[in-house]
Structure formats: structure tokens, C-alpha cells
Amino acid sequence: MGVDYYGVLSIQKNSTDLEIRKAYRNLALEFNPERLRDDCSQKIFALIGEAYEVLSDPLRRAVFDQYGEEGLKRGVPGPEGYIQPYHYHGDPMHTYKEFFGTASPYADLLDYLNNPPPIYDVENVRGIKKKQPPIYHPLCLSLHEIFFGGIKKMKIQRLQFVGDDKVRTEVKENILSIPIKPGIRANTEIVFPEEGDQNPTHIPADIIFITQDRKHENFVREDDNLITTIDVPLEEALLGTTVIVNTIDHRVIRIPITDVIFPGYEKIVENEGMPIVEKPNEKGKLIIRFKIAFPDYLPKSSKDLFQKAFYLAKIGGGLHHEMINKMVLADKILRVDPCDQLPPF
């Protein structure tokens, strides 16, 4: 059996990246060769560095999980070609420097001195202030708010210090001004640092708003595109039509449809979607989908006419909607009373 890198770092196989980093940090400081100069410690230090390099890289970790150390160092076939063998570069101090930014065996101590943690001292009790976990709030936005952007006001209640001693707290209201960029996407996090409850023994939590799209009566957003569905009768689906769309920014646009509308057909209108966050002067697409309403009944004369039209289109090389248009138009003319027909030119 090969080396178990998880065992080297004393972590579980399902450990997160943060747990891997913590395990390496603690072991690398403990076995730093500047602290322990015996050969055994140096070998352990090198093995710790190799284990961290493997498990902190998603591809190497995936290969190791499936094929073990032997497969990792031999190379294995992958979905996009052969995965080259992995070999540790043999310089664990290089790994250490990349991680800590220094070769000092007292990296933790230096970090503490350069960035000392905040201390609380309340009623002769001292301790290190720890930051509270973030507080998440959903932020529902209408497509109109997303399209134009702006500032959204949100009222929150939190414990806030009263008095200069910063010991006593009271519940107070606080209004947060949330900036909304035009086109802001769903699940975007907007962070207000340390706006949580104040307390003398801890650092306030961050307040984080997560954007969500509110349902719209006519449109659905997908990325930067707007999608709408329009009902059309079969006649217009075959002969063409002009659809009218009331846009988010209060305009009325008319889109001519000259193609035959079939199930799954989409009409794409460029630059009529939502603003693109990274490119404020550009917009996504407007995608129009159709729901075709078929007639409940067709008289035999109409069926015969359609049958003839499709037959002529077939022998003419295909189902050309121009030919069908002419056939239907000719039928309409023939149905007009001779007295009401226009005189010939």
C-alpha cells in the first residue's frame, strides 16, 4: 500500500479545503526543521509538504482518491486525455514559504505580533474577541428594479452600544442603503461588514443580502436574457404575424414574424434583454417563445384546401409557406361575393 496523505495530515477523507489548510499549518509549524533538527523530523516535514500539495490540488486529490499514491505517481487515463504522473519537487521549505510567506518557524507568533487579535476586558475578564458568523437575508428584487438599478433601503434592528464605555447595549433601528447595479444577477451577495449585534466580547457579524428575482407576470430571466411566451392562433403561426411586446423599460416594440412558427420555435431579438453588469451599455437578448392555439374544428372545405396546399407544396419541392399563403389568399378571394369584388385593372 502507498502513503495515506489523509493520515499524514490526520484528517478525514471528506475534509474541506479549510480543514486541509489548518492541518498543514499546525503540523508544518510543529515539525519545522529550524525547530527540530533531527533527521526524522525533516522526513516528516517533507511528507507533510507532499501531502498538502496533493490534497490542496483538486485534480491531484481526485486521482489520489481513486487510484491511490501509486496511480498518482504512475499517471492515469482521464476524460480529456492522459493525466501525467505527479512527483513532489522535494523542497518542503518551498511549500512552507508559499503557504506562510516566510521561512520563520515562528510564523504564528509573527502573525500575532503584526496583526494582534482584538482583546476585550469586561469586569476583570479578558479574552480574544471572535467575530460572529455572518447573517444572511434574502433580497427580493423585481425585474424593474434590476433593470434600472438604484438604491434599496432596508430597515434592520440590532443591539448597539450606548455610552462611551461600550459595555451596555440597546435595540436600535438601522437603515441600510443597498446599492443595486443595473442587471445584478440572482444569488449576488451584498456585504455590510460588522453591521450585526454589537457586544463587548465579540466582533459584530457581517450582514449579507443575497439577491433573488421576484416573479414577473410576463418575463422570466435567464442569465442576462429575458424570456416571454406569446399565444398565437394556428393561422398566424402558419401565415406570419406581428407580435407586440411591452418592455421592462415601458416601451412598446413590434416584432414581425415571417417564419412558420412550429413547436420549439424561438424569435430572438438582440439587445432587448437585461443590462449586463460587466458591460453597462449592453443588454442581453429578448427570447420570444410561442404557444400555438389550434382550432377546435375545421370544416371539410378547409381541410380539402389545406390538403391541396400541402400537396402542391410537396410536389413543388417542399412545404413553402409562401405557396400556402397564396392558396389561402386565393380561397378568401373566391369566398367574396362577385358584386363586392373589385373590378379588374
Protein backbone atom coordinates (compact mmCIF):
# COMPACT_ATOMS: atom_id res chain seq x y z
CA MET A 1 0.00 0.00 0.00
CA GLY A 2 1.10 3.56 -0.71
CA VAL A 3 1.20 6.57 1.56
CA ASP A 4 -2.12 7.75 3.01
CA TYR A 5 -1.92 11.54 2.69
CA TYR A 6 -5.06 11.98 4.79
CA GLY A 7 -3.41 10.02 7.57
CA VAL A 8 -0.26 12.13 7.28
CA LEU A 9 -2.30 15.28 7.97
CA SER A 10 -4.54 13.46 10.49
CA ILE A 11 -7.75 14.47 8.73
CA GLN A 12 -10.82 12.70 7.36
CA LYS A 13 -11.18 11.84 3.69
CA ASN A 14 -14.13 14.23 3.31
CA SER A 15 -12.23 17.17 4.84
CA THR A 16 -12.77 20.61 3.35
CA ASP A 17 -10.03 22.79 1.86
CA LEU A 18 -10.05 24.89 5.02
CA GLU A 19 -9.54 21.80 7.20
CA ILE A 20 -6.63 20.70 4.98
CA ARG A 21 -5.00 24.12 5.31
CA LYS A 22 -5.45 24.14 9.10
CA ALA A 23 -3.96 20.66 9.43
CA TYR A 24 -0.93 21.58 7.31
CA ARG A 25 -0.43 24.84 9.21
CA ASN A 26 -0.33 23.14 12.60
CA LEU A 27 1.92 20.26 11.53
CA ALA A 28 4.28 22.42 9.47
CA LEU A 29 4.88 24.71 12.45
CA GLU A 30 5.36 21.76 14.77
CA PHE A 31 7.90 19.94 12.56
CA ASN A 32 9.68 22.96 11.07
CA PRO A 33 13.34 21.85 10.69
CA GLU A 34 14.51 25.12 12.27
CA ARG A 35 12.85 23.96 15.47
CA LEU A 36 13.59 20.24 15.25
CA ARG A 37 16.89 19.47 13.56
CA ASP A 38 16.85 15.66 13.70
CA ASP A 39 16.61 13.62 10.51
CA CYS A 40 13.29 12.04 11.44
CA SER A 41 11.58 15.42 11.81
CA GLN A 42 12.92 16.59 8.46
CA LYS A 43 11.50 13.48 6.75
CA ILE A 44 8.13 14.06 8.41
CA PHE A 45 8.26 17.74 7.38
CA ALA A 46 8.82 16.72 3.75
CA LEU A 47 5.97 14.20 3.86
CA ILE A 48 3.65 16.85 5.35
CA GLY A 49 4.51 19.21 2.47
CA GLU A 50 3.88 16.50 -0.12
CA ALA A 51 0.54 15.56 1.46
CA TYR A 52 -0.57 19.19 1.44
CA GLU A 53 0.43 19.72 -2.20
CA VAL A 54 -1.58 16.66 -3.25
CA LEU A 55 -4.73 17.26 -1.20
CA SER A 56 -4.89 21.02 -1.81
CA ASP A 57 -4.99 20.48 -5.58
CA PRO A 58 -8.46 19.26 -6.77
CA LEU A 59 -7.13 17.19 -9.70
CA ARG A 60 -4.34 15.51 -7.72
CA ARG A 61 -6.72 14.83 -4.86
CA ALA A 62 -9.29 13.26 -7.21
CA VAL A 63 -6.66 10.99 -8.77
CA PHE A 64 -5.32 10.02 -5.34
CA ASP A 65 -8.82 9.27 -4.03
CA GLN A 66 -9.49 6.93 -6.94
CA TYR A 67 -6.10 5.37 -7.66
CA GLY A 68 -4.02 5.96 -4.52
CA GLU A 69 -0.39 7.08 -4.38
CA GLU A 70 0.68 4.51 -6.96
CA GLY A 71 -1.77 5.73 -9.58
CA LEU A 72 -0.98 9.36 -8.79
CA LYS A 73 2.75 8.85 -9.38
CA ARG A 74 2.32 6.49 -12.33
CA GLY A 75 -0.18 8.55 -14.29
CA VAL A 76 -3.71 7.50 -15.25
CA PRO A 77 -6.12 7.97 -18.18
CA GLY A 78 -8.56 10.86 -17.76
CA PRO A 79 -11.75 12.02 -19.50
CA GLU A 80 -9.79 14.57 -21.56
CA GLY A 81 -6.57 12.63 -22.09
CA TYR A 82 -3.75 11.05 -20.12
CA ILE A 83 -3.09 12.61 -16.70
CA GLN A 84 0.65 12.98 -16.23
CA PRO A 85 2.40 11.41 -13.21
CA TYR A 86 2.87 13.59 -10.14
CA HIS A 87 6.22 13.83 -8.37
CA TYR A 88 6.91 16.05 -5.37
CA HIS A 89 9.60 18.63 -6.09
CA GLY A 90 11.43 17.62 -2.90
CA ASP A 91 11.70 21.08 -1.34
CA PRO A 92 9.27 21.17 1.62
CA MET A 93 10.59 24.57 2.68
CA HIS A 94 9.40 25.97 -0.67
CA THR A 95 5.89 24.69 0.13
CA TYR A 96 6.21 26.21 3.61
CA LYS A 97 7.26 29.63 2.24
CA GLU A 98 4.41 29.67 -0.28
CA PHE A 99 1.93 28.93 2.50
CA PHE A 100 3.22 31.26 5.25
CA GLY A 101 5.05 33.87 3.16
CA THR A 102 8.12 33.35 5.38
CA ALA A 103 10.61 30.64 6.33
CA SER A 104 10.42 31.56 10.02
CA PRO A 105 9.48 28.68 12.33
CA TYR A 106 7.63 31.27 14.41
CA ALA A 107 5.18 32.27 11.68
CA ASP A 108 2.21 32.12 14.04
CA LEU A 109 3.98 34.34 16.55
CA LEU A 110 4.98 36.88 13.87
CA ASP A 111 1.44 36.95 12.57
CA TYR A 112 0.18 37.54 16.10
CA LEU A 113 2.62 40.41 16.65
CA ASN A 114 1.95 42.08 13.30
CA ASN A 115 -1.81 41.60 13.42
CA PRO A 116 -2.77 41.21 17.07
CA PRO A 117 -6.33 39.99 17.65
CA PRO A 118 -8.73 42.39 19.39
CA ILE A 119 -8.94 41.91 23.13
CA TYR A 120 -11.93 42.50 25.41
CA ASP A 121 -11.64 43.37 29.09
CA VAL A 122 -15.02 43.37 30.86
CA GLU A 123 -15.37 43.23 34.63
CA ASN A 124 -11.84 41.87 35.10
CA VAL A 125 -12.44 39.21 32.43
CA ARG A 126 -10.07 39.28 29.46
CA GLY A 127 -10.25 37.35 26.22
CA ILE A 128 -9.86 37.49 22.46
CA LYS A 129 -12.77 38.89 20.52
CA LYS A 130 -14.07 36.46 17.93
CA LYS A 131 -16.18 37.52 15.01
CA GLN A 132 -19.72 36.24 14.93
CA PRO A 133 -20.81 34.17 11.89
CA PRO A 134 -22.41 36.18 9.07
CA ILE A 135 -26.16 36.79 8.99
CA TYR A 136 -27.85 36.19 5.65
CA HIS A 137 -31.01 37.89 4.41
CA PRO A 138 -32.79 37.30 1.07
CA LEU A 139 -33.23 40.42 -1.03
CA CYS A 140 -36.14 40.04 -3.47
CA LEU A 141 -35.91 42.40 -6.43
CA SER A 142 -38.42 43.00 -9.19
CA LEU A 143 -37.18 42.87 -12.79
CA HIS A 144 -37.95 46.59 -12.97
CA GLU A 145 -35.57 47.25 -10.02
CA ILE A 146 -32.92 45.01 -11.56
CA PHE A 147 -33.23 46.67 -14.97
CA PHE A 148 -32.81 50.25 -13.75
CA GLY A 149 -30.72 49.66 -10.62
CA GLY A 150 -30.59 52.21 -7.82
CA ILE A 151 -30.60 52.21 -4.03
CA LYS A 152 -32.84 49.99 -1.93
CA LYS A 153 -33.44 50.85 1.72
CA MET A 154 -33.70 48.06 4.28
CA LYS A 155 -34.53 48.55 7.97
CA ILE A 156 -32.86 46.22 10.46
CA GLN A 157 -32.82 46.03 14.24
CA ARG A 158 -29.65 45.32 16.17
CA LEU A 159 -28.07 45.67 19.60
CA GLN A 160 -26.00 48.85 19.61
CA PHE A 161 -23.65 50.35 22.19
CA VAL A 162 -24.97 53.19 24.33
CA GLY A 163 -22.45 55.28 26.22
CA ASP A 164 -18.74 55.79 25.77
CA ASP A 165 -17.81 52.74 27.80
CA LYS A 166 -19.15 50.45 25.03
CA VAL A 167 -20.48 47.93 27.52
CA ARG A 168 -24.24 48.46 27.62
CA THR A 169 -26.36 47.87 24.50
CA GLU A 170 -29.89 48.66 23.41
CA VAL A 171 -32.02 47.53 20.46
CA LYS A 172 -31.99 50.23 17.81
CA GLU A 173 -33.17 50.51 14.24
CA ASN A 174 -30.66 50.95 11.48
CA ILE A 175 -31.40 51.69 7.83
CA LEU A 176 -29.02 50.16 5.30
CA SER A 177 -28.71 51.62 1.80
CA ILE A 178 -28.18 48.70 -0.58
CA PRO A 179 -26.64 49.59 -3.97
CA ILE A 180 -28.34 47.76 -6.86
CA LYS A 181 -26.31 47.67 -10.06
CA PRO A 182 -28.39 47.50 -13.27
CA GLY A 183 -28.64 43.86 -14.32
CA ILE A 184 -27.43 42.49 -10.97
CA ARG A 185 -27.71 38.71 -11.12
CA ALA A 186 -29.56 36.40 -8.78
CA ASN A 187 -27.60 35.00 -5.81
CA THR A 188 -25.27 38.00 -5.71
CA GLU A 189 -24.03 38.69 -2.18
CA ILE A 190 -24.02 42.30 -0.95
CA VAL A 191 -22.00 42.55 2.25
CA PHE A 192 -22.32 45.10 5.05
CA PRO A 193 -19.29 44.48 7.29
CA GLU A 194 -19.91 44.25 11.03
CA GLU A 195 -23.49 45.51 10.98
CA GLY A 196 -24.69 42.75 13.31
CA ASP A 197 -25.33 42.99 17.05
CA GLN A 198 -22.66 44.85 18.98
CA ASN A 199 -21.27 43.19 22.09
CA PRO A 200 -18.21 43.96 24.21
CA THR A 201 -16.95 40.37 23.96
CA HIS A 202 -17.16 39.75 20.22
CA ILE A 203 -16.84 41.39 16.81
CA PRO A 204 -20.22 42.06 15.15
CA ALA A 205 -21.28 39.75 12.34
CA ASP A 206 -21.40 40.82 8.73
CA ILE A 207 -24.87 41.35 7.30
CA ILE A 208 -25.10 39.74 3.85
CA PHE A 209 -28.02 40.23 1.46
CA ILE A 210 -28.49 37.60 -1.26
CA THR A 211 -30.42 38.83 -4.29
CA GLN A 212 -33.38 36.91 -5.68
CA ASP A 213 -35.57 37.60 -8.71
CA ARG A 214 -39.20 38.33 -7.92
CA LYS A 215 -41.67 36.63 -10.25
CA HIS A 216 -42.84 38.77 -13.19
CA GLU A 217 -46.17 38.41 -14.95
CA ASN A 218 -44.69 38.43 -18.46
CA PHE A 219 -40.96 37.72 -18.31
CA VAL A 220 -38.57 35.16 -16.89
CA ARG A 221 -34.88 35.97 -16.64
CA GLU A 222 -32.16 33.50 -17.62
CA ASP A 223 -28.67 35.00 -17.11
CA ASP A 224 -28.87 38.33 -18.97
CA ASN A 225 -31.74 37.27 -21.26
CA LEU A 226 -35.46 37.88 -20.91
CA ILE A 227 -37.89 35.17 -21.98
CA THR A 228 -41.56 35.69 -22.71
CA THR A 229 -44.24 33.37 -24.12
CA ILE A 230 -46.92 34.61 -26.52
CA ASP A 231 -50.11 32.80 -27.61
CA VAL A 232 -50.73 32.74 -31.36
CA PRO A 233 -53.55 31.08 -33.34
CA LEU A 234 -52.64 28.45 -35.90
CA GLU A 235 -53.46 30.84 -38.75
CA GLU A 236 -50.83 33.33 -37.60
CA ALA A 237 -48.37 30.56 -36.84
CA LEU A 238 -48.58 29.45 -40.49
CA LEU A 239 -49.05 32.76 -42.28
CA GLY A 240 -46.97 35.11 -40.18
CA THR A 241 -47.87 37.85 -37.75
CA THR A 242 -46.55 40.80 -35.78
CA VAL A 243 -46.17 40.38 -32.04
CA ILE A 244 -46.32 43.29 -29.64
CA VAL A 245 -44.12 43.27 -26.52
CA ASN A 246 -44.32 45.76 -23.65
CA THR A 247 -40.75 46.00 -22.42
CA ILE A 248 -39.47 46.35 -18.85
CA ASP A 249 -38.47 49.96 -19.55
CA HIS A 250 -42.01 50.92 -20.65
CA ARG A 251 -41.56 50.78 -24.42
CA VAL A 252 -43.74 49.01 -26.96
CA ILE A 253 -41.89 47.07 -29.65
CA ARG A 254 -43.40 45.30 -32.64
CA ILE A 255 -41.61 42.25 -33.99
CA PRO A 256 -42.66 40.88 -37.39
CA ILE A 257 -42.67 37.08 -37.63
CA THR A 258 -42.33 35.87 -41.22
CA ASP A 259 -41.20 32.33 -40.42
CA VAL A 260 -43.58 29.45 -39.80
CA ILE A 261 -43.99 29.14 -36.03
CA PHE A 262 -43.55 25.50 -35.08
CA PRO A 263 -43.32 23.84 -31.62
CA GLY A 264 -39.98 24.87 -30.13
CA TYR A 265 -39.55 27.89 -32.42
CA GLU A 266 -37.98 30.96 -30.80
CA LYS A 267 -37.65 34.52 -32.03
CA ILE A 268 -34.52 36.21 -30.71
CA VAL A 269 -34.30 39.99 -30.52
CA GLU A 270 -30.82 41.28 -29.75
CA ASN A 271 -30.13 43.93 -27.11
CA GLU A 272 -33.65 43.83 -25.62
CA GLY A 273 -32.82 41.78 -22.53
CA MET A 274 -31.42 42.84 -19.14
CA PRO A 275 -28.40 45.13 -18.74
CA ILE A 276 -25.10 43.26 -18.49
CA VAL A 277 -23.38 44.08 -15.21
CA GLU A 278 -19.87 43.94 -16.65
CA LYS A 279 -20.90 45.96 -19.74
CA PRO A 280 -23.43 48.60 -18.60
CA ASN A 281 -24.06 49.87 -22.15
CA GLU A 282 -25.00 46.44 -23.47
CA LYS A 283 -28.03 44.22 -22.89
CA GLY A 284 -28.84 40.57 -23.27
CA LYS A 285 -31.41 39.09 -25.63
CA LEU A 286 -35.17 39.03 -25.67
CA ILE A 287 -36.28 35.48 -26.43
CA ILE A 288 -39.88 35.07 -27.56
CA ARG A 289 -41.42 31.62 -27.32
CA PHE A 290 -44.82 30.71 -28.69
CA LYS A 291 -47.81 28.68 -27.66
CA ILE A 292 -49.84 27.72 -30.71
CA ALA A 293 -53.62 27.59 -30.30
CA PHE A 294 -55.13 25.01 -32.65
CA PRO A 295 -58.75 25.38 -33.78
CA ASP A 296 -61.31 23.11 -32.18
CA TYR A 297 -62.96 22.39 -35.53
CA LEU A 298 -62.19 22.66 -39.26
CA PRO A 299 -64.90 22.29 -41.92
CA LYS A 300 -64.26 19.78 -44.68
CA SER A 301 -63.76 22.53 -47.26
CA SER A 302 -60.92 23.97 -45.19
CA LYS A 303 -59.36 20.54 -44.75
CA ASP A 304 -59.53 19.96 -48.51
CA LEU A 305 -57.89 23.32 -49.12
CA PHE A 306 -55.06 22.58 -46.70
CA GLN A 307 -54.62 19.13 -48.16
CA LYS A 308 -54.32 20.61 -51.65
CA ALA A 309 -51.92 23.29 -50.49
CA PHE A 310 -49.65 20.80 -48.73
CA TYR A 311 -49.76 18.51 -51.74
CA LEU A 312 -48.75 21.30 -54.12
CA ALA A 313 -46.03 22.38 -51.74
CA LYS A 314 -44.74 18.80 -51.56
CA ILE A 315 -44.55 18.25 -55.32
CA GLY A 316 -43.08 21.73 -55.66
CA GLY A 317 -40.03 20.72 -53.64
CA GLY A 318 -41.08 21.28 -50.06
CA LEU A 319 -43.52 22.93 -47.72
CA HIS A 320 -43.05 26.58 -48.68
CA HIS A 321 -45.23 28.83 -46.59
CA GLU A 322 -45.36 31.41 -49.42
CA MET A 323 -47.30 28.91 -51.55
CA ILE A 324 -49.67 28.16 -48.69
CA ASN A 325 -50.20 31.89 -48.20
CA LYS A 326 -51.19 32.27 -51.85
CA MET A 327 -53.58 29.32 -51.68
CA VAL A 328 -55.31 30.66 -48.56
CA LEU A 329 -55.47 34.16 -50.05
CA ALA A 330 -56.99 32.81 -53.28
CA ASP A 331 -59.59 30.91 -51.29
CA LYS A 332 -60.54 34.09 -49.40
CA ILE A 333 -60.96 35.97 -52.67
CA LEU A 334 -63.19 33.25 -54.08
CA ARG A 335 -65.42 33.44 -50.99
CA VAL A 336 -66.14 37.15 -51.61
CA ASP A 337 -69.48 37.88 -53.32
CA PRO A 338 -68.89 38.70 -57.03
CA CYS A 339 -70.73 42.04 -56.62
CA ASP A 340 -68.27 43.06 -53.86
CA GLN A 341 -65.15 42.13 -55.81
CA LEU A 342 -63.03 44.96 -57.19
CA PRO A 343 -63.10 45.43 -60.97
CA PRO A 344 -60.05 44.08 -62.80
CA PHE A 345 -57.26 46.52 -63.67
